[in-house]
């Protein structure tokens, strides 16, 4: 598959699924938390804990949006 087709398919998937963006944000935030925890400093650990809370909020929002989308599409 060519890169142009891949990008086009990804864009159409993101437009068609409302919760996907939030789930991708969750993944980015969790990876950021991992990076911060590797730092082994108190400030980085504190920031990672706060960032993890926001990450799980974005995951919850994404899952709820996906579920609503699924229910509406089913009808």
PDB file of N, CA and C in Angstrom:
ATOM      1  N   UNK A   1       0.855  -1.175   0.000  1.00  0.00           N
ATOM      2  CA  UNK A   1       0.000   0.000   0.000  1.00  0.00           C
ATOM      3  C   UNK A   1       0.901   1.239   0.000  1.00  0.00           C
ATOM      4  N   UNK A   2       0.562   2.170  -0.839  1.00  0.00           N
ATOM      5  CA  UNK A   2       1.379   3.374  -0.947  1.00  0.00           C
ATOM      6  C   UNK A   2       1.107   4.310   0.232  1.00  0.00           C
ATOM      7  N   UNK A   3       2.067   5.161   0.569  1.00  0.00           N
ATOM      8  CA  UNK A   3       1.886   6.091   1.684  1.00  0.00           C
ATOM      9  C   UNK A   3       0.697   7.042   1.484  1.00  0.00           C
ATOM     10  N   UNK A   4       0.454   7.452   0.236  1.00  0.00           N
ATOM     11  CA  UNK A   4      -0.663   8.358  -0.025  1.00  0.00           C
ATOM     12  C   UNK A   4      -1.995   7.682   0.280  1.00  0.00           C
ATOM     13  N   UNK A   5      -2.123   6.417  -0.101  1.00  0.00           N
ATOM     14  CA  UNK A   5      -3.359   5.674   0.185  1.00  0.00           C
ATOM     15  C   UNK A   5      -3.522   5.465   1.691  1.00  0.00           C
ATOM     16  N   UNK A   6      -2.412   5.221   2.364  1.00  0.00           N
ATOM     17  CA  UNK A   6      -2.454   5.012   3.803  1.00  0.00           C
ATOM     18  C   UNK A   6      -2.919   6.267   4.533  1.00  0.00           C
ATOM     19  N   UNK A   7      -2.371   7.418   4.150  1.00  0.00           N
ATOM     20  CA  UNK A   7      -2.756   8.692   4.762  1.00  0.00           C
ATOM     21  C   UNK A   7      -4.219   9.000   4.461  1.00  0.00           C
ATOM     22  N   UNK A   8      -4.637   8.764   3.230  1.00  0.00           N
ATOM     23  CA  UNK A   8      -6.029   9.015   2.840  1.00  0.00           C
ATOM     24  C   UNK A   8      -6.979   8.117   3.625  1.00  0.00           C
ATOM     25  N   UNK A   9      -6.625   6.855   3.775  1.00  0.00           N
ATOM     26  CA  UNK A   9      -7.449   5.926   4.546  1.00  0.00           C
ATOM     27  C   UNK A   9      -7.515   6.305   6.013  1.00  0.00           C
ATOM     28  N   UNK A  10      -6.390   6.753   6.565  1.00  0.00           N
ATOM     29  CA  UNK A  10      -6.359   7.171   7.963  1.00  0.00           C
ATOM     30  C   UNK A  10      -7.227   8.398   8.189  1.00  0.00           C
ATOM     31  N   UNK A  11      -7.162   9.359   7.270  1.00  0.00           N
ATOM     32  CA  UNK A  11      -7.986  10.565   7.394  1.00  0.00           C
ATOM     33  C   UNK A  11      -9.466  10.223   7.330  1.00  0.00           C
ATOM     34  N   UNK A  12      -9.845   9.341   6.430  1.00  0.00           N
ATOM     35  CA  UNK A  12     -11.263   8.979   6.326  1.00  0.00           C
ATOM     36  C   UNK A  12     -11.709   8.205   7.560  1.00  0.00           C
ATOM     37  N   UNK A  13     -10.826   7.377   8.129  1.00  0.00           N
ATOM     38  CA  UNK A  13     -11.169   6.643   9.349  1.00  0.00           C
ATOM     39  C   UNK A  13     -11.362   7.600  10.523  1.00  0.00           C
ATOM     40  N   UNK A  14     -10.497   8.604  10.626  1.00  0.00           N
ATOM     41  CA  UNK A  14     -10.617   9.569  11.716  1.00  0.00           C
ATOM     42  C   UNK A  14     -11.894  10.395  11.592  1.00  0.00           C
ATOM     43  N   UNK A  15     -12.296  10.706  10.373  1.00  0.00           N
ATOM     44  CA  UNK A  15     -13.528  11.472  10.175  1.00  0.00           C
ATOM     45  C   UNK A  15     -14.755  10.622  10.460  1.00  0.00           C
ATOM     46  N   UNK A  16     -14.686   9.335  10.167  1.00  0.00           N
ATOM     47  CA  UNK A  16     -15.839   8.458  10.333  1.00  0.00           C
ATOM     48  C   UNK A  16     -16.049   7.967  11.747  1.00  0.00           C
ATOM     49  N   UNK A  17     -15.024   7.985  12.567  1.00  0.00           N
ATOM     50  CA  UNK A  17     -15.124   7.481  13.936  1.00  0.00           C
ATOM     51  C   UNK A  17     -14.817   8.620  14.906  1.00  0.00           C
ATOM     52  N   UNK A  18     -15.824   9.129  15.597  1.00  0.00           N
ATOM     53  CA  UNK A  18     -15.617  10.306  16.441  1.00  0.00           C
ATOM     54  C   UNK A  18     -14.705  10.082  17.647  1.00  0.00           C
ATOM     55  N   UNK A  19     -14.638   8.882  18.157  1.00  0.00           N
ATOM     56  CA  UNK A  19     -13.833   8.640  19.348  1.00  0.00           C
ATOM     57  C   UNK A  19     -12.387   8.296  19.075  1.00  0.00           C
ATOM     58  N   UNK A  20     -12.070   8.032  17.828  1.00  0.00           N
ATOM     59  CA  UNK A  20     -10.717   7.594  17.487  1.00  0.00           C
ATOM     60  C   UNK A  20      -9.664   8.630  17.841  1.00  0.00           C
ATOM     61  N   UNK A  21      -9.979   9.890  17.605  1.00  0.00           N
ATOM     62  CA  UNK A  21      -9.016  10.951  17.911  1.00  0.00           C
ATOM     63  C   UNK A  21      -8.678  10.955  19.406  1.00  0.00           C
ATOM     64  N   UNK A  22      -9.693  10.817  20.246  1.00  0.00           N
ATOM     65  CA  UNK A  22      -9.452  10.812  21.688  1.00  0.00           C
ATOM     66  C   UNK A  22      -8.628   9.597  22.104  1.00  0.00           C
ATOM     67  N   UNK A  23      -8.863   8.459  21.469  1.00  0.00           N
ATOM     68  CA  UNK A  23      -8.098   7.257  21.803  1.00  0.00           C
ATOM     69  C   UNK A  23      -6.644   7.417  21.367  1.00  0.00           C
ATOM     70  N   UNK A  24      -6.411   8.061  20.242  1.00  0.00           N
ATOM     71  CA  UNK A  24      -5.032   8.337  19.824  1.00  0.00           C
ATOM     72  C   UNK A  24      -4.350   9.320  20.781  1.00  0.00           C
ATOM     73  N   UNK A  25      -5.100  10.337  21.251  1.00  0.00           N
ATOM     74  CA  UNK A  25      -4.555  11.267  22.245  1.00  0.00           C
ATOM     75  C   UNK A  25      -4.171  10.510  23.517  1.00  0.00           C
ATOM     76  N   UNK A  26      -5.015   9.552  23.907  1.00  0.00           N
ATOM     77  CA  UNK A  26      -4.711   8.736  25.083  1.00  0.00           C
ATOM     78  C   UNK A  26      -3.372   8.024  24.915  1.00  0.00           C
ATOM     79  N   UNK A  27      -3.170   7.424  23.759  1.00  0.00           N
ATOM     80  CA  UNK A  27      -1.922   6.696  23.522  1.00  0.00           C
ATOM     81  C   UNK A  27      -0.705   7.619  23.575  1.00  0.00           C
ATOM     82  N   UNK A  28      -0.854   8.798  23.001  1.00  0.00           N
ATOM     83  CA  UNK A  28       0.250   9.772  23.028  1.00  0.00           C
ATOM     84  C   UNK A  28       0.546  10.206  24.462  1.00  0.00           C
ATOM     85  N   UNK A  29      -0.509  10.460  25.241  1.00  0.00           N
ATOM     86  CA  UNK A  29      -0.308  10.885  26.626  1.00  0.00           C
ATOM     87  C   UNK A  29       0.321   9.783  27.477  1.00  0.00           C
ATOM     88  N   UNK A  30      -0.089   8.543  27.268  1.00  0.00           N
ATOM     89  CA  UNK A  30       0.493   7.434  28.043  1.00  0.00           C
ATOM     90  C   UNK A  30       1.971   7.247  27.692  1.00  0.00           C
ATOM     91  N   UNK A  31       2.306   7.381  26.426  1.00  0.00           N
ATOM     92  CA  UNK A  31       3.723   7.283  26.038  1.00  0.00           C
ATOM     93  C   UNK A  31       4.517   8.424  26.667  1.00  0.00           C
ATOM     94  N   UNK A  32       3.910   9.604  26.753  1.00  0.00           N
ATOM     95  CA  UNK A  32       4.571  10.731  27.423  1.00  0.00           C
ATOM     96  C   UNK A  32       4.783  10.425  28.903  1.00  0.00           C
ATOM     97  N   UNK A  33       3.820   9.776  29.516  1.00  0.00           N
ATOM     98  CA  UNK A  33       3.967   9.391  30.931  1.00  0.00           C
ATOM     99  C   UNK A  33       5.132   8.428  31.123  1.00  0.00           C
ATOM    100  N   UNK A  34       5.259   7.487  30.217  1.00  0.00           N
ATOM    101  CA  UNK A  34       6.364   6.530  30.304  1.00  0.00           C
ATOM    102  C   UNK A  34       7.700   7.266  30.229  1.00  0.00           C
ATOM    103  N   UNK A  35       7.794   8.200  29.287  1.00  0.00           N
ATOM    104  CA  UNK A  35       9.027   8.977  29.155  1.00  0.00           C
ATOM    105  C   UNK A  35       9.327   9.749  30.441  1.00  0.00           C
ATOM    106  N   UNK A  36       8.288  10.353  31.024  1.00  0.00           N
ATOM    107  CA  UNK A  36       8.499  11.126  32.261  1.00  0.00           C
ATOM    108  C   UNK A  36       8.905  10.229  33.421  1.00  0.00           C
ATOM    109  N   UNK A  37       8.339   9.043  33.490  1.00  0.00           N
ATOM    110  CA  UNK A  37       8.689   8.136  34.595  1.00  0.00           C
ATOM    111  C   UNK A  37      10.113   7.614  34.476  1.00  0.00           C
ATOM    112  N   UNK A  38      10.636   7.556  33.274  1.00  0.00           N
ATOM    113  CA  UNK A  38      12.023   7.122  33.082  1.00  0.00           C
ATOM    114  C   UNK A  38      12.997   8.146  33.659  1.00  0.00           C
ATOM    115  N   UNK A  39      12.581   9.402  33.755  1.00  0.00           N
ATOM    116  CA  UNK A  39      13.451  10.475  34.228  1.00  0.00           C
ATOM    117  C   UNK A  39      13.877  10.316  35.688  1.00  0.00           C
ATOM    118  N   UNK A  40      13.073   9.624  36.498  1.00  0.00           N
ATOM    119  CA  UNK A  40      13.386   9.354  37.906  1.00  0.00           C
ATOM    120  C   UNK A  40      13.552  10.614  38.758  1.00  0.00           C
ATOM    121  N   UNK A  41      12.825  11.665  38.435  1.00  0.00           N
ATOM    122  CA  UNK A  41      12.824  12.844  39.295  1.00  0.00           C
ATOM    123  C   UNK A  41      11.429  13.008  39.888  1.00  0.00           C
ATOM    124  N   UNK A  42      11.368  13.655  41.023  1.00  0.00           N
ATOM    125  CA  UNK A  42      10.095  13.843  41.708  1.00  0.00           C
ATOM    126  C   UNK A  42       9.134  14.699  40.878  1.00  0.00           C
ATOM    127  N   UNK A  43       9.656  15.735  40.250  1.00  0.00           N
ATOM    128  CA  UNK A  43       8.808  16.615  39.438  1.00  0.00           C
ATOM    129  C   UNK A  43       8.241  15.866  38.231  1.00  0.00           C
ATOM    130  N   UNK A  44       9.079  15.070  37.589  1.00  0.00           N
ATOM    131  CA  UNK A  44       8.636  14.314  36.420  1.00  0.00           C
ATOM    132  C   UNK A  44       7.598  13.271  36.820  1.00  0.00           C
ATOM    133  N   UNK A  45       7.797  12.640  37.971  1.00  0.00           N
ATOM    134  CA  UNK A  45       6.838  11.639  38.436  1.00  0.00           C
ATOM    135  C   UNK A  45       5.492  12.293  38.759  1.00  0.00           C
ATOM    136  N   UNK A  46       5.532  13.441  39.386  1.00  0.00           N
ATOM    137  CA  UNK A  46       4.302  14.162  39.706  1.00  0.00           C
ATOM    138  C   UNK A  46       3.558  14.575  38.435  1.00  0.00           C
ATOM    139  N   UNK A  47       4.301  15.062  37.447  1.00  0.00           N
ATOM    140  CA  UNK A  47       3.691  15.449  36.181  1.00  0.00           C
ATOM    141  C   UNK A  47       3.124  14.231  35.455  1.00  0.00           C
ATOM    142  N   UNK A  48       3.824  13.115  35.512  1.00  0.00           N
ATOM    143  CA  UNK A  48       3.354  11.892  34.860  1.00  0.00           C
ATOM    144  C   UNK A  48       2.043  11.412  35.480  1.00  0.00           C
ATOM    145  N   UNK A  49       1.915  11.524  36.797  1.00  0.00           N
ATOM    146  CA  UNK A  49       0.674  11.114  37.464  1.00  0.00           C
ATOM    147  C   UNK A  49      -0.493  11.987  37.028  1.00  0.00           C
ATOM    148  N   UNK A  50      -0.265  13.297  36.942  1.00  0.00           N
ATOM    149  CA  UNK A  50      -1.328  14.205  36.501  1.00  0.00           C
ATOM    150  C   UNK A  50      -1.677  13.962  35.029  1.00  0.00           C
ATOM    151  N   UNK A  51      -0.662  13.732  34.220  1.00  0.00           N
ATOM    152  CA  UNK A  51      -0.879  13.478  32.807  1.00  0.00           C
ATOM    153  C   UNK A  51      -1.643  12.165  32.594  1.00  0.00           C
ATOM    154  N   UNK A  52      -1.378  11.180  33.425  1.00  0.00           N
ATOM    155  CA  UNK A  52      -2.082   9.896  33.321  1.00  0.00           C
ATOM    156  C   UNK A  52      -3.569  10.063  33.605  1.00  0.00           C
ATOM    157  N   UNK A  53      -3.911  10.945  34.530  1.00  0.00           N
ATOM    158  CA  UNK A  53      -5.330  11.203  34.818  1.00  0.00           C
ATOM    159  C   UNK A  53      -6.017  11.781  33.594  1.00  0.00           C
ATOM    160  N   UNK A  54      -5.387  12.760  32.949  1.00  0.00           N
ATOM    161  CA  UNK A  54      -5.965  13.331  31.726  1.00  0.00           C
ATOM    162  C   UNK A  54      -6.027  12.293  30.608  1.00  0.00           C
ATOM    163  N   UNK A  55      -5.027  11.425  30.561  1.00  0.00           N
ATOM    164  CA  UNK A  55      -5.018  10.383  29.531  1.00  0.00           C
ATOM    165  C   UNK A  55      -6.222   9.466  29.691  1.00  0.00           C
ATOM    166  N   UNK A  56      -6.518   9.068  30.913  1.00  0.00           N
ATOM    167  CA  UNK A  56      -7.656   8.171  31.110  1.00  0.00           C
ATOM    168  C   UNK A  56      -8.980   8.881  30.868  1.00  0.00           C
ATOM    169  N   UNK A  57      -9.043  10.181  31.118  1.00  0.00           N
ATOM    170  CA  UNK A  57     -10.251  10.933  30.751  1.00  0.00           C
ATOM    171  C   UNK A  57     -10.448  10.912  29.243  1.00  0.00           C
ATOM    172  N   UNK A  58      -9.380  11.115  28.495  1.00  0.00           N
ATOM    173  CA  UNK A  58      -9.516  11.105  27.038  1.00  0.00           C
ATOM    174  C   UNK A  58      -9.904   9.714  26.538  1.00  0.00           C
ATOM    175  N   UNK A  59      -9.385   8.679  27.188  1.00  0.00           N
ATOM    176  CA  UNK A  59      -9.766   7.319  26.810  1.00  0.00           C
ATOM    177  C   UNK A  59     -11.250   7.089  27.077  1.00  0.00           C
ATOM    178  N   UNK A  60     -11.721   7.516  28.240  1.00  0.00           N
ATOM    179  CA  UNK A  60     -13.139   7.337  28.573  1.00  0.00           C
ATOM    180  C   UNK A  60     -14.028   8.090  27.585  1.00  0.00           C
ATOM    181  N   UNK A  61     -13.663   9.311  27.250  1.00  0.00           N
ATOM    182  CA  UNK A  61     -14.440  10.090  26.284  1.00  0.00           C
ATOM    183  C   UNK A  61     -14.446   9.383  24.927  1.00  0.00           C
ATOM    184  N   UNK A  62     -13.293   8.910  24.501  1.00  0.00           N
ATOM    185  CA  UNK A  62     -13.194   8.213  23.219  1.00  0.00           C
ATOM    186  C   UNK A  62     -14.032   6.953  23.167  1.00  0.00           C
ATOM    187  N   UNK A  63     -14.019   6.179  24.238  1.00  0.00           N
ATOM    188  CA  UNK A  63     -14.799   4.939  24.269  1.00  0.00           C
ATOM    189  C   UNK A  63     -16.295   5.248  24.264  1.00  0.00           C
ATOM    190  N   UNK A  64     -16.715   6.242  25.028  1.00  0.00           N
ATOM    191  CA  UNK A  64     -18.130   6.622  25.043  1.00  0.00           C
ATOM    192  C   UNK A  64     -18.567   7.097  23.657  1.00  0.00           C
ATOM    193  N   UNK A  65     -17.761   7.926  23.019  1.00  0.00           N
ATOM    194  CA  UNK A  65     -18.097   8.401  21.674  1.00  0.00           C
ATOM    195  C   UNK A  65     -18.156   7.256  20.669  1.00  0.00           C
ATOM    196  N   UNK A  66     -17.236   6.328  20.766  1.00  0.00           N
ATOM    197  CA  UNK A  66     -17.259   5.172  19.872  1.00  0.00           C
ATOM    198  C   UNK A  66     -18.516   4.331  20.115  1.00  0.00           C
ATOM    199  N   UNK A  67     -18.890   4.160  21.367  1.00  0.00           N
ATOM    200  CA  UNK A  67     -20.077   3.371  21.695  1.00  0.00           C
ATOM    201  C   UNK A  67     -21.339   4.047  21.157  1.00  0.00           C
ATOM    202  N   UNK A  68     -21.441   5.356  21.335  1.00  0.00           N
ATOM    203  CA  UNK A  68     -22.595   6.097  20.810  1.00  0.00           C
ATOM    204  C   UNK A  68     -22.629   5.995  19.288  1.00  0.00           C
ATOM    205  N   UNK A  69     -21.476   6.146  18.666  1.00  0.00           N
ATOM    206  CA  UNK A  69     -21.396   6.022  17.210  1.00  0.00           C
ATOM    207  C   UNK A  69     -21.848   4.635  16.757  1.00  0.00           C
ATOM    208  N   UNK A  70     -21.432   3.617  17.491  1.00  0.00           N
ATOM    209  CA  UNK A  70     -21.825   2.236  17.178  1.00  0.00           C
ATOM    210  C   UNK A  70     -23.332   2.071  17.292  1.00  0.00           C
ATOM    211  N   UNK A  71     -23.918   2.595  18.362  1.00  0.00           N
ATOM    212  CA  UNK A  71     -25.358   2.473  18.551  1.00  0.00           C
ATOM    213  C   UNK A  71     -26.147   3.213  17.475  1.00  0.00           C
ATOM    214  N   UNK A  72     -25.702   4.410  17.118  1.00  0.00           N
ATOM    215  CA  UNK A  72     -26.398   5.177  16.095  1.00  0.00           C
ATOM    216  C   UNK A  72     -26.243   4.567  14.708  1.00  0.00           C
ATOM    217  N   UNK A  73     -25.093   3.985  14.442  1.00  0.00           N
ATOM    218  CA  UNK A  73     -24.850   3.373  13.149  1.00  0.00           C
ATOM    219  C   UNK A  73     -25.642   2.064  13.019  1.00  0.00           C
ATOM    220  N   UNK A  74     -25.874   1.406  14.140  1.00  0.00           N
ATOM    221  CA  UNK A  74     -26.597   0.134  14.143  1.00  0.00           C
ATOM    222  C   UNK A  74     -28.050   0.337  13.727  1.00  0.00           C
ATOM    223  N   UNK A  75     -28.613   1.484  14.066  1.00  0.00           N
ATOM    224  CA  UNK A  75     -30.023   1.758  13.729  1.00  0.00           C
ATOM    225  C   UNK A  75     -30.145   2.049  12.310  1.00  0.00           C
TER     226      UNK A  75
END
